[in-house]
Amino acid sequence: MSKLSATERAAGLRSLKGWTYEESTEAISRDFKFKDFSEAFAFMTRVALLAQAADHHPEWSNVYNKVSITLTTHSDKGLSAKDVKLAGEIDRLIG
């Protein structure tokens, strides 16, 4: 993989729902809110399975019913196609 160009990044973001690009970290992030902790944890479990299968792991946090996810490719020092692909798969989990 390699870091996306500005044009590739813009195209990738257009295909995603609710993800924002953070220039300072060269990453995309999104916050998710659920009914309760159990729903948030179940979501994290499903994301973990996707991430493990892709061998691409998110930076994330969970507080009660909220999950925050940040995606970047450290080896490429910025956003790559792997990040956009995993974000799209996460979006499909929640519909």
PDB file of N, CA and C in Angstrom:
ATOM      1  N   MET A   1       0.842  -1.187   0.000  1.00  0.00           N
ATOM      2  CA  MET A   1       0.000   0.000   0.000  1.00  0.00           C
ATOM      3  C   MET A   1       0.883   1.244   0.000  1.00  0.00           C
ATOM      4  N   SER A   2       0.275   2.323  -0.408  1.00  0.00           N
ATOM      5  CA  SER A   2       0.962   3.598  -0.307  1.00  0.00           C
ATOM      6  C   SER A   2      -0.050   4.664   0.086  1.00  0.00           C
ATOM      7  N   LYS A   3       0.476   5.735   0.622  1.00  0.00           N
ATOM      8  CA  LYS A   3      -0.348   6.848   1.066  1.00  0.00           C
ATOM      9  C   LYS A   3      -1.141   7.414  -0.122  1.00  0.00           C
ATOM     10  N   LEU A   4      -2.413   7.724   0.112  1.00  0.00           N
ATOM     11  CA  LEU A   4      -3.262   8.259  -0.946  1.00  0.00           C
ATOM     12  C   LEU A   4      -2.882   9.697  -1.281  1.00  0.00           C
ATOM     13  N   SER A   5      -3.010  10.045  -2.539  1.00  0.00           N
ATOM     14  CA  SER A   5      -2.835  11.431  -2.956  1.00  0.00           C
ATOM     15  C   SER A   5      -4.061  12.227  -2.494  1.00  0.00           C
ATOM     16  N   ALA A   6      -3.987  13.524  -2.585  1.00  0.00           N
ATOM     17  CA  ALA A   6      -5.135  14.355  -2.190  1.00  0.00           C
ATOM     18  C   ALA A   6      -6.370  14.018  -3.023  1.00  0.00           C
ATOM     19  N   THR A   7      -6.195  13.764  -4.305  1.00  0.00           N
ATOM     20  CA  THR A   7      -7.313  13.415  -5.182  1.00  0.00           C
ATOM     21  C   THR A   7      -7.896  12.064  -4.798  1.00  0.00           C
ATOM     22  N   GLU A   8      -7.043  11.083  -4.557  1.00  0.00           N
ATOM     23  CA  GLU A   8      -7.505   9.755  -4.146  1.00  0.00           C
ATOM     24  C   GLU A   8      -8.204   9.814  -2.793  1.00  0.00           C
ATOM     25  N   ARG A   9      -7.654  10.612  -1.875  1.00  0.00           N
ATOM     26  CA  ARG A   9      -8.258  10.766  -0.544  1.00  0.00           C
ATOM     27  C   ARG A   9      -9.654  11.362  -0.661  1.00  0.00           C
ATOM     28  N   ALA A  10      -9.809  12.402  -1.472  1.00  0.00           N
ATOM     29  CA  ALA A  10     -11.117  13.045  -1.640  1.00  0.00           C
ATOM     30  C   ALA A  10     -12.128  12.057  -2.226  1.00  0.00           C
ATOM     31  N   ALA A  11     -11.704  11.282  -3.207  1.00  0.00           N
ATOM     32  CA  ALA A  11     -12.600  10.287  -3.807  1.00  0.00           C
ATOM     33  C   ALA A  11     -12.989   9.229  -2.778  1.00  0.00           C
ATOM     34  N   GLY A  12     -12.038   8.779  -1.984  1.00  0.00           N
ATOM     35  CA  GLY A  12     -12.317   7.784  -0.956  1.00  0.00           C
ATOM     36  C   GLY A  12     -13.295   8.304   0.084  1.00  0.00           C
ATOM     37  N   LEU A  13     -13.122   9.531   0.508  1.00  0.00           N
ATOM     38  CA  LEU A  13     -14.009  10.110   1.520  1.00  0.00           C
ATOM     39  C   LEU A  13     -15.431  10.279   0.995  1.00  0.00           C
ATOM     40  N   ARG A  14     -15.569  10.558  -0.289  1.00  0.00           N
ATOM     41  CA  ARG A  14     -16.915  10.698  -0.871  1.00  0.00           C
ATOM     42  C   ARG A  14     -17.697   9.389  -0.787  1.00  0.00           C
ATOM     43  N   SER A  15     -16.991   8.273  -0.743  1.00  0.00           N
ATOM     44  CA  SER A  15     -17.669   6.973  -0.699  1.00  0.00           C
ATOM     45  C   SER A  15     -18.037   6.548   0.723  1.00  0.00           C
ATOM     46  N   LEU A  16     -17.644   7.332   1.713  1.00  0.00           N
ATOM     47  CA  LEU A  16     -17.858   6.962   3.117  1.00  0.00           C
ATOM     48  C   LEU A  16     -18.934   7.832   3.755  1.00  0.00           C
ATOM     49  N   LYS A  17     -19.558   7.302   4.815  1.00  0.00           N
ATOM     50  CA  LYS A  17     -20.611   8.029   5.537  1.00  0.00           C
ATOM     51  C   LYS A  17     -20.076   8.535   6.873  1.00  0.00           C
ATOM     52  N   GLY A  18     -19.970   9.829   7.039  1.00  0.00           N
ATOM     53  CA  GLY A  18     -19.660  10.395   8.347  1.00  0.00           C
ATOM     54  C   GLY A  18     -18.208  10.382   8.781  1.00  0.00           C
ATOM     55  N   TRP A  19     -17.298   9.951   7.938  1.00  0.00           N
ATOM     56  CA  TRP A  19     -15.881   9.933   8.289  1.00  0.00           C
ATOM     57  C   TRP A  19     -15.276  11.292   7.948  1.00  0.00           C
ATOM     58  N   THR A  20     -14.407  11.771   8.821  1.00  0.00           N
ATOM     59  CA  THR A  20     -13.745  13.043   8.577  1.00  0.00           C
ATOM     60  C   THR A  20     -12.238  12.840   8.521  1.00  0.00           C
ATOM     61  N   TYR A  21     -11.609  13.627   7.668  1.00  0.00           N
ATOM     62  CA  TYR A  21     -10.163  13.560   7.519  1.00  0.00           C
ATOM     63  C   TYR A  21      -9.530  14.572   8.469  1.00  0.00           C
ATOM     64  N   GLU A  22      -8.528  14.130   9.191  1.00  0.00           N
ATOM     65  CA  GLU A  22      -7.796  14.997  10.112  1.00  0.00           C
ATOM     66  C   GLU A  22      -6.404  15.236   9.534  1.00  0.00           C
ATOM     67  N   GLU A  23      -6.195  16.435   9.038  1.00  0.00           N
ATOM     68  CA  GLU A  23      -4.937  16.801   8.380  1.00  0.00           C
ATOM     69  C   GLU A  23      -3.723  16.570   9.277  1.00  0.00           C
ATOM     70  N   SER A  24      -3.841  16.928  10.544  1.00  0.00           N
ATOM     71  CA  SER A  24      -2.684  16.849  11.449  1.00  0.00           C
ATOM     72  C   SER A  24      -2.194  15.427  11.687  1.00  0.00           C
ATOM     73  N   THR A  25      -3.113  14.457  11.623  1.00  0.00           N
ATOM     74  CA  THR A  25      -2.728  13.063  11.857  1.00  0.00           C
ATOM     75  C   THR A  25      -2.770  12.226  10.579  1.00  0.00           C
ATOM     76  N   GLU A  26      -3.236  12.836   9.494  1.00  0.00           N
ATOM     77  CA  GLU A  26      -3.398  12.141   8.217  1.00  0.00           C
ATOM     78  C   GLU A  26      -4.190  10.848   8.409  1.00  0.00           C
ATOM     79  N   ALA A  27      -5.339  10.998   9.083  1.00  0.00           N
ATOM     80  CA  ALA A  27      -6.190   9.860   9.433  1.00  0.00           C
ATOM     81  C   ALA A  27      -7.649  10.248   9.224  1.00  0.00           C
ATOM     82  N   ILE A  28      -8.495   9.226   9.138  1.00  0.00           N
ATOM     83  CA  ILE A  28      -9.931   9.466   9.116  1.00  0.00           C
ATOM     84  C   ILE A  28     -10.519   8.949  10.425  1.00  0.00           C
ATOM     85  N   SER A  29     -11.578   9.595  10.858  1.00  0.00           N
ATOM     86  CA  SER A  29     -12.198   9.173  12.116  1.00  0.00           C
ATOM     87  C   SER A  29     -13.708   9.326  12.040  1.00  0.00           C
ATOM     88  N   ARG A  30     -14.342   8.581  12.919  1.00  0.00           N
ATOM     89  CA  ARG A  30     -15.798   8.647  13.036  1.00  0.00           C
ATOM     90  C   ARG A  30     -16.191   8.197  14.431  1.00  0.00           C
ATOM     91  N   ASP A  31     -17.233   8.833  14.965  1.00  0.00           N
ATOM     92  CA  ASP A  31     -17.797   8.455  16.256  1.00  0.00           C
ATOM     93  C   ASP A  31     -19.128   7.749  16.021  1.00  0.00           C
ATOM     94  N   PHE A  32     -19.362   6.723  16.815  1.00  0.00           N
ATOM     95  CA  PHE A  32     -20.591   5.935  16.721  1.00  0.00           C
ATOM     96  C   PHE A  32     -21.263   5.936  18.089  1.00  0.00           C
ATOM     97  N   LYS A  33     -22.586   6.000  18.102  1.00  0.00           N
ATOM     98  CA  LYS A  33     -23.341   5.978  19.357  1.00  0.00           C
ATOM     99  C   LYS A  33     -24.373   4.864  19.284  1.00  0.00           C
ATOM    100  N   PHE A  34     -24.485   4.118  20.382  1.00  0.00           N
ATOM    101  CA  PHE A  34     -25.377   2.970  20.445  1.00  0.00           C
ATOM    102  C   PHE A  34     -26.328   3.102  21.625  1.00  0.00           C
ATOM    103  N   LYS A  35     -27.272   2.193  21.706  1.00  0.00           N
ATOM    104  CA  LYS A  35     -28.280   2.204  22.768  1.00  0.00           C
ATOM    105  C   LYS A  35     -27.639   2.062  24.145  1.00  0.00           C
ATOM    106  N   ASP A  36     -26.647   1.159  24.252  1.00  0.00           N
ATOM    107  CA  ASP A  36     -26.024   0.900  25.543  1.00  0.00           C
ATOM    108  C   ASP A  36     -24.637   0.280  25.335  1.00  0.00           C
ATOM    109  N   PHE A  37     -23.991  -0.049  26.423  1.00  0.00           N
ATOM    110  CA  PHE A  37     -22.643  -0.615  26.367  1.00  0.00           C
ATOM    111  C   PHE A  37     -22.607  -1.928  25.605  1.00  0.00           C
ATOM    112  N   SER A  38     -23.602  -2.784  25.806  1.00  0.00           N
ATOM    113  CA  SER A  38     -23.624  -4.086  25.131  1.00  0.00           C
ATOM    114  C   SER A  38     -23.641  -3.945  23.611  1.00  0.00           C
ATOM    115  N   GLU A  39     -24.451  -3.014  23.110  1.00  0.00           N
ATOM    116  CA  GLU A  39     -24.490  -2.791  21.667  1.00  0.00           C
ATOM    117  C   GLU A  39     -23.163  -2.231  21.158  1.00  0.00           C
ATOM    118  N   ALA A  40     -22.574  -1.325  21.918  1.00  0.00           N
ATOM    119  CA  ALA A  40     -21.281  -0.756  21.525  1.00  0.00           C
ATOM    120  C   ALA A  40     -20.205  -1.837  21.505  1.00  0.00           C
ATOM    121  N   PHE A  41     -20.207  -2.682  22.512  1.00  0.00           N
ATOM    122  CA  PHE A  41     -19.204  -3.750  22.591  1.00  0.00           C
ATOM    123  C   PHE A  41     -19.400  -4.774  21.469  1.00  0.00           C
ATOM    124  N   ALA A  42     -20.641  -5.103  21.160  1.00  0.00           N
ATOM    125  CA  ALA A  42     -20.919  -6.039  20.064  1.00  0.00           C
ATOM    126  C   ALA A  42     -20.418  -5.464  18.741  1.00  0.00           C
ATOM    127  N   PHE A  43     -20.629  -4.166  18.526  1.00  0.00           N
ATOM    128  CA  PHE A  43     -20.121  -3.491  17.333  1.00  0.00           C
ATOM    129  C   PHE A  43     -18.596  -3.588  17.279  1.00  0.00           C
ATOM    130  N   MET A  44     -17.943  -3.330  18.392  1.00  0.00           N
ATOM    131  CA  MET A  44     -16.484  -3.404  18.428  1.00  0.00           C
ATOM    132  C   MET A  44     -15.997  -4.819  18.107  1.00  0.00           C
ATOM    133  N   THR A  45     -16.717  -5.806  18.556  1.00  0.00           N
ATOM    134  CA  THR A  45     -16.344  -7.191  18.263  1.00  0.00           C
ATOM    135  C   THR A  45     -16.430  -7.460  16.765  1.00  0.00           C
ATOM    136  N   ARG A  46     -17.499  -6.984  16.142  1.00  0.00           N
ATOM    137  CA  ARG A  46     -17.643  -7.182  14.692  1.00  0.00           C
ATOM    138  C   ARG A  46     -16.544  -6.441  13.929  1.00  0.00           C
ATOM    139  N   VAL A  47     -16.211  -5.222  14.375  1.00  0.00           N
ATOM    140  CA  VAL A  47     -15.127  -4.465  13.738  1.00  0.00           C
ATOM    141  C   VAL A  47     -13.793  -5.192  13.935  1.00  0.00           C
ATOM    142  N   ALA A  48     -13.586  -5.735  15.126  1.00  0.00           N
ATOM    143  CA  ALA A  48     -12.336  -6.456  15.396  1.00  0.00           C
ATOM    144  C   ALA A  48     -12.159  -7.629  14.441  1.00  0.00           C
ATOM    145  N   LEU A  49     -13.231  -8.335  14.145  1.00  0.00           N
ATOM    146  CA  LEU A  49     -13.150  -9.463  13.209  1.00  0.00           C
ATOM    147  C   LEU A  49     -12.797  -8.987  11.802  1.00  0.00           C
ATOM    148  N   LEU A  50     -13.401  -7.882  11.365  1.00  0.00           N
ATOM    149  CA  LEU A  50     -13.057  -7.308  10.062  1.00  0.00           C
ATOM    150  C   LEU A  50     -11.594  -6.873  10.023  1.00  0.00           C
ATOM    151  N   ALA A  51     -11.174  -6.191  11.073  1.00  0.00           N
ATOM    152  CA  ALA A  51      -9.799  -5.677  11.130  1.00  0.00           C
ATOM    153  C   ALA A  51      -8.783  -6.813  11.134  1.00  0.00           C
ATOM    154  N   GLN A  52      -9.066  -7.856  11.882  1.00  0.00           N
ATOM    155  CA  GLN A  52      -8.142  -8.988  11.943  1.00  0.00           C
ATOM    156  C   GLN A  52      -8.034  -9.668  10.580  1.00  0.00           C
ATOM    157  N   ALA A  53      -9.164  -9.835   9.912  1.00  0.00           N
ATOM    158  CA  ALA A  53      -9.156 -10.463   8.594  1.00  0.00           C
ATOM    159  C   ALA A  53      -8.367  -9.627   7.583  1.00  0.00           C
ATOM    160  N   ALA A  54      -8.421  -8.313   7.740  1.00  0.00           N
ATOM    161  CA  ALA A  54      -7.705  -7.408   6.837  1.00  0.00           C
ATOM    162  C   ALA A  54      -6.266  -7.165   7.284  1.00  0.00           C
ATOM    163  N   ASP A  55      -5.910  -7.652   8.467  1.00  0.00           N
ATOM    164  CA  ASP A  55      -4.604  -7.369   9.067  1.00  0.00           C
ATOM    165  C   ASP A  55      -4.346  -5.859   9.090  1.00  0.00           C
ATOM    166  N   HIS A  56      -5.384  -5.130   9.493  1.00  0.00           N
ATOM    167  CA  HIS A  56      -5.315  -3.664   9.553  1.00  0.00           C
ATOM    168  C   HIS A  56      -6.149  -3.222  10.755  1.00  0.00           C
ATOM    169  N   HIS A  57      -5.512  -2.708  11.763  1.00  0.00           N
ATOM    170  CA  HIS A  57      -6.166  -2.511  13.053  1.00  0.00           C
ATOM    171  C   HIS A  57      -6.385  -1.040  13.381  1.00  0.00           C
ATOM    172  N   PRO A  58      -7.591  -0.709  13.838  1.00  0.00           N
ATOM    173  CA  PRO A  58      -7.932   0.682  14.129  1.00  0.00           C
ATOM    174  C   PRO A  58      -7.358   1.162  15.463  1.00  0.00           C
ATOM    175  N   GLU A  59      -7.285   2.467  15.576  1.00  0.00           N
ATOM    176  CA  GLU A  59      -7.105   3.107  16.877  1.00  0.00           C
ATOM    177  C   GLU A  59      -8.531   3.420  17.309  1.00  0.00           C
ATOM    178  N   TRP A  60      -8.891   3.009  18.526  1.00  0.00           N
ATOM    179  CA  TRP A  60     -10.267   3.238  18.936  1.00  0.00           C
ATOM    180  C   TRP A  60     -10.405   3.351  20.432  1.00  0.00           C
ATOM    181  N   SER A  61     -11.575   3.857  20.822  1.00  0.00           N
ATOM    182  CA  SER A  61     -11.887   3.936  22.249  1.00  0.00           C
ATOM    183  C   SER A  61     -13.383   3.720  22.421  1.00  0.00           C
ATOM    184  N   ASN A  62     -13.741   3.318  23.623  1.00  0.00           N
ATOM    185  CA  ASN A  62     -15.128   3.060  23.966  1.00  0.00           C
ATOM    186  C   ASN A  62     -15.403   3.641  25.340  1.00  0.00           C
ATOM    187  N   VAL A  63     -16.450   4.442  25.434  1.00  0.00           N
ATOM    188  CA  VAL A  63     -16.955   4.919  26.710  1.00  0.00           C
ATOM    189  C   VAL A  63     -18.461   4.673  26.700  1.00  0.00           C
ATOM    190  N   TYR A  64     -18.880   3.733  27.536  1.00  0.00           N
ATOM    191  CA  TYR A  64     -20.270   3.307  27.648  1.00  0.00           C
ATOM    192  C   TYR A  64     -20.875   2.988  26.280  1.00  0.00           C
ATOM    193  N   ASN A  65     -21.689   3.887  25.717  1.00  0.00           N
ATOM    194  CA  ASN A  65     -22.381   3.582  24.463  1.00  0.00           C
ATOM    195  C   ASN A  65     -21.740   4.258  23.247  1.00  0.00           C
ATOM    196  N   LYS A  66     -20.547   4.804  23.406  1.00  0.00           N
ATOM    197  CA  LYS A  66     -19.874   5.514  22.327  1.00  0.00           C
ATOM    198  C   LYS A  66     -18.581   4.814  21.938  1.00  0.00           C
ATOM    199  N   VAL A  67     -18.376   4.722  20.624  1.00  0.00           N
ATOM    200  CA  VAL A  67     -17.152   4.146  20.083  1.00  0.00           C
ATOM    201  C   VAL A  67     -16.570   5.159  19.110  1.00  0.00           C
ATOM    202  N   SER A  68     -15.302   5.489  19.291  1.00  0.00           N
ATOM    203  CA  SER A  68     -14.588   6.381  18.382  1.00  0.00           C
ATOM    204  C   SER A  68     -13.519   5.567  17.668  1.00  0.00           C
ATOM    205  N   ILE A  69     -13.480   5.696  16.345  1.00  0.00           N
ATOM    206  CA  ILE A  69     -12.528   4.937  15.542  1.00  0.00           C
ATOM    207  C   ILE A  69     -11.702   5.893  14.689  1.00  0.00           C
ATOM    208  N   THR A  70     -10.395   5.662  14.676  1.00  0.00           N
ATOM    209  CA  THR A  70      -9.475   6.392  13.819  1.00  0.00           C
ATOM    210  C   THR A  70      -8.714   5.384  12.981  1.00  0.00           C
ATOM    211  N   LEU A  71      -8.616   5.677  11.689  1.00  0.00           N
ATOM    212  CA  LEU A  71      -7.903   4.800  10.764  1.00  0.00           C
ATOM    213  C   LEU A  71      -6.797   5.561  10.044  1.00  0.00           C
ATOM    214  N   THR A  72      -5.616   4.996  10.050  1.00  0.00           N
ATOM    215  CA  THR A  72      -4.475   5.495   9.303  1.00  0.00           C
ATOM    216  C   THR A  72      -3.530   4.321   9.106  1.00  0.00           C
ATOM    217  N   THR A  73      -2.656   4.434   8.142  1.00  0.00           N
ATOM    218  CA  THR A  73      -1.695   3.363   7.890  1.00  0.00           C
ATOM    219  C   THR A  73      -0.325   3.862   8.323  1.00  0.00           C
ATOM    220  N   HIS A  74       0.101   3.434   9.495  1.00  0.00           N
ATOM    221  CA  HIS A  74       1.350   3.932  10.063  1.00  0.00           C
ATOM    222  C   HIS A  74       2.549   3.651   9.169  1.00  0.00           C
ATOM    223  N   SER A  75       2.584   2.472   8.546  1.00  0.00           N
ATOM    224  CA  SER A  75       3.730   2.130   7.692  1.00  0.00           C
ATOM    225  C   SER A  75       3.819   3.035   6.460  1.00  0.00           C
ATOM    226  N   ASP A  76       2.687   3.631   6.052  1.00  0.00           N
ATOM    227  CA  ASP A  76       2.678   4.555   4.911  1.00  0.00           C
ATOM    228  C   ASP A  76       2.663   6.016   5.361  1.00  0.00           C
ATOM    229  N   LYS A  77       2.656   6.227   6.669  1.00  0.00           N
ATOM    230  CA  LYS A  77       2.656   7.575   7.250  1.00  0.00           C
ATOM    231  C   LYS A  77       1.471   8.423   6.779  1.00  0.00           C
ATOM    232  N   GLY A  78       0.299   7.767   6.701  1.00  0.00           N
ATOM    233  CA  GLY A  78      -0.901   8.505   6.328  1.00  0.00           C
ATOM    234  C   GLY A  78      -1.998   7.584   5.860  1.00  0.00           C
ATOM    235  N   LEU A  79      -3.004   8.179   5.269  1.00  0.00           N
ATOM    236  CA  LEU A  79      -4.188   7.456   4.828  1.00  0.00           C
ATOM    237  C   LEU A  79      -3.882   6.629   3.583  1.00  0.00           C
ATOM    238  N   SER A  80      -4.303   5.364   3.614  1.00  0.00           N
ATOM    239  CA  SER A  80      -4.105   4.483   2.455  1.00  0.00           C
ATOM    240  C   SER A  80      -5.442   3.868   2.050  1.00  0.00           C
ATOM    241  N   ALA A  81      -5.414   3.133   0.954  1.00  0.00           N
ATOM    242  CA  ALA A  81      -6.622   2.449   0.485  1.00  0.00           C
ATOM    243  C   ALA A  81      -7.132   1.448   1.523  1.00  0.00           C
ATOM    244  N   LYS A  82      -6.226   0.884   2.336  1.00  0.00           N
ATOM    245  CA  LYS A  82      -6.650  -0.051   3.389  1.00  0.00           C
ATOM    246  C   LYS A  82      -7.590   0.638   4.375  1.00  0.00           C
ATOM    247  N   ASP A  83      -7.313   1.893   4.688  1.00  0.00           N
ATOM    248  CA  ASP A  83      -8.149   2.642   5.630  1.00  0.00           C
ATOM    249  C   ASP A  83      -9.531   2.894   5.044  1.00  0.00           C
ATOM    250  N   VAL A  84      -9.571   3.322   3.794  1.00  0.00           N
ATOM    251  CA  VAL A  84     -10.849   3.605   3.136  1.00  0.00           C
ATOM    252  C   VAL A  84     -11.663   2.317   3.026  1.00  0.00           C
ATOM    253  N   LYS A  85     -11.012   1.220   2.680  1.00  0.00           N
ATOM    254  CA  LYS A  85     -11.713  -0.055   2.552  1.00  0.00           C
ATOM    255  C   LYS A  85     -12.295  -0.502   3.893  1.00  0.00           C
ATOM    256  N   LEU A  86     -11.497  -0.439   4.963  1.00  0.00           N
ATOM    257  CA  LEU A  86     -11.991  -0.852   6.273  1.00  0.00           C
ATOM    258  C   LEU A  86     -13.115   0.068   6.747  1.00  0.00           C
ATOM    259  N   ALA A  87     -13.001   1.373   6.513  1.00  0.00           N
ATOM    260  CA  ALA A  87     -14.072   2.300   6.878  1.00  0.00           C
ATOM    261  C   ALA A  87     -15.366   1.933   6.162  1.00  0.00           C
ATOM    262  N   GLY A  88     -15.273   1.592   4.881  1.00  0.00           N
ATOM    263  CA  GLY A  88     -16.458   1.179   4.125  1.00  0.00           C
ATOM    264  C   GLY A  88     -17.093  -0.077   4.685  1.00  0.00           C
ATOM    265  N   GLU A  89     -16.247  -1.031   5.091  1.00  0.00           N
ATOM    266  CA  GLU A  89     -16.772  -2.262   5.691  1.00  0.00           C
ATOM    267  C   GLU A  89     -17.432  -1.965   7.040  1.00  0.00           C
ATOM    268  N   ILE A  90     -16.870  -1.061   7.793  1.00  0.00           N
ATOM    269  CA  ILE A  90     -17.478  -0.651   9.073  1.00  0.00           C
ATOM    270  C   ILE A  90     -18.829   0.004   8.811  1.00  0.00           C
ATOM    271  N   ASP A  91     -18.891   0.878   7.803  1.00  0.00           N
ATOM    272  CA  ASP A  91     -20.157   1.515   7.455  1.00  0.00           C
ATOM    273  C   ASP A  91     -21.229   0.484   7.119  1.00  0.00           C
ATOM    274  N   ARG A  92     -20.844  -0.564   6.400  1.00  0.00           N
ATOM    275  CA  ARG A  92     -21.810  -1.596   6.030  1.00  0.00           C
ATOM    276  C   ARG A  92     -22.328  -2.366   7.251  1.00  0.00           C
ATOM    277  N   LEU A  93     -21.512  -2.439   8.304  1.00  0.00           N
ATOM    278  CA  LEU A  93     -21.969  -3.109   9.528  1.00  0.00           C
ATOM    279  C   LEU A  93     -23.171  -2.413  10.154  1.00  0.00           C
ATOM    280  N   ILE A  94     -23.170  -1.098  10.070  1.00  0.00           N
ATOM    281  CA  ILE A  94     -24.231  -0.354  10.742  1.00  0.00           C
ATOM    282  C   ILE A  94     -25.342   0.091   9.790  1.00  0.00           C
ATOM    283  N   GLY A  95     -25.137  -0.175   8.512  1.00  0.00           N
ATOM    284  CA  GLY A  95     -26.184   0.123   7.525  1.00  0.00           C
ATOM    285  C   GLY A  95     -26.187   1.496   7.107  1.00  0.00           C
TER     286      GLY A  95
END
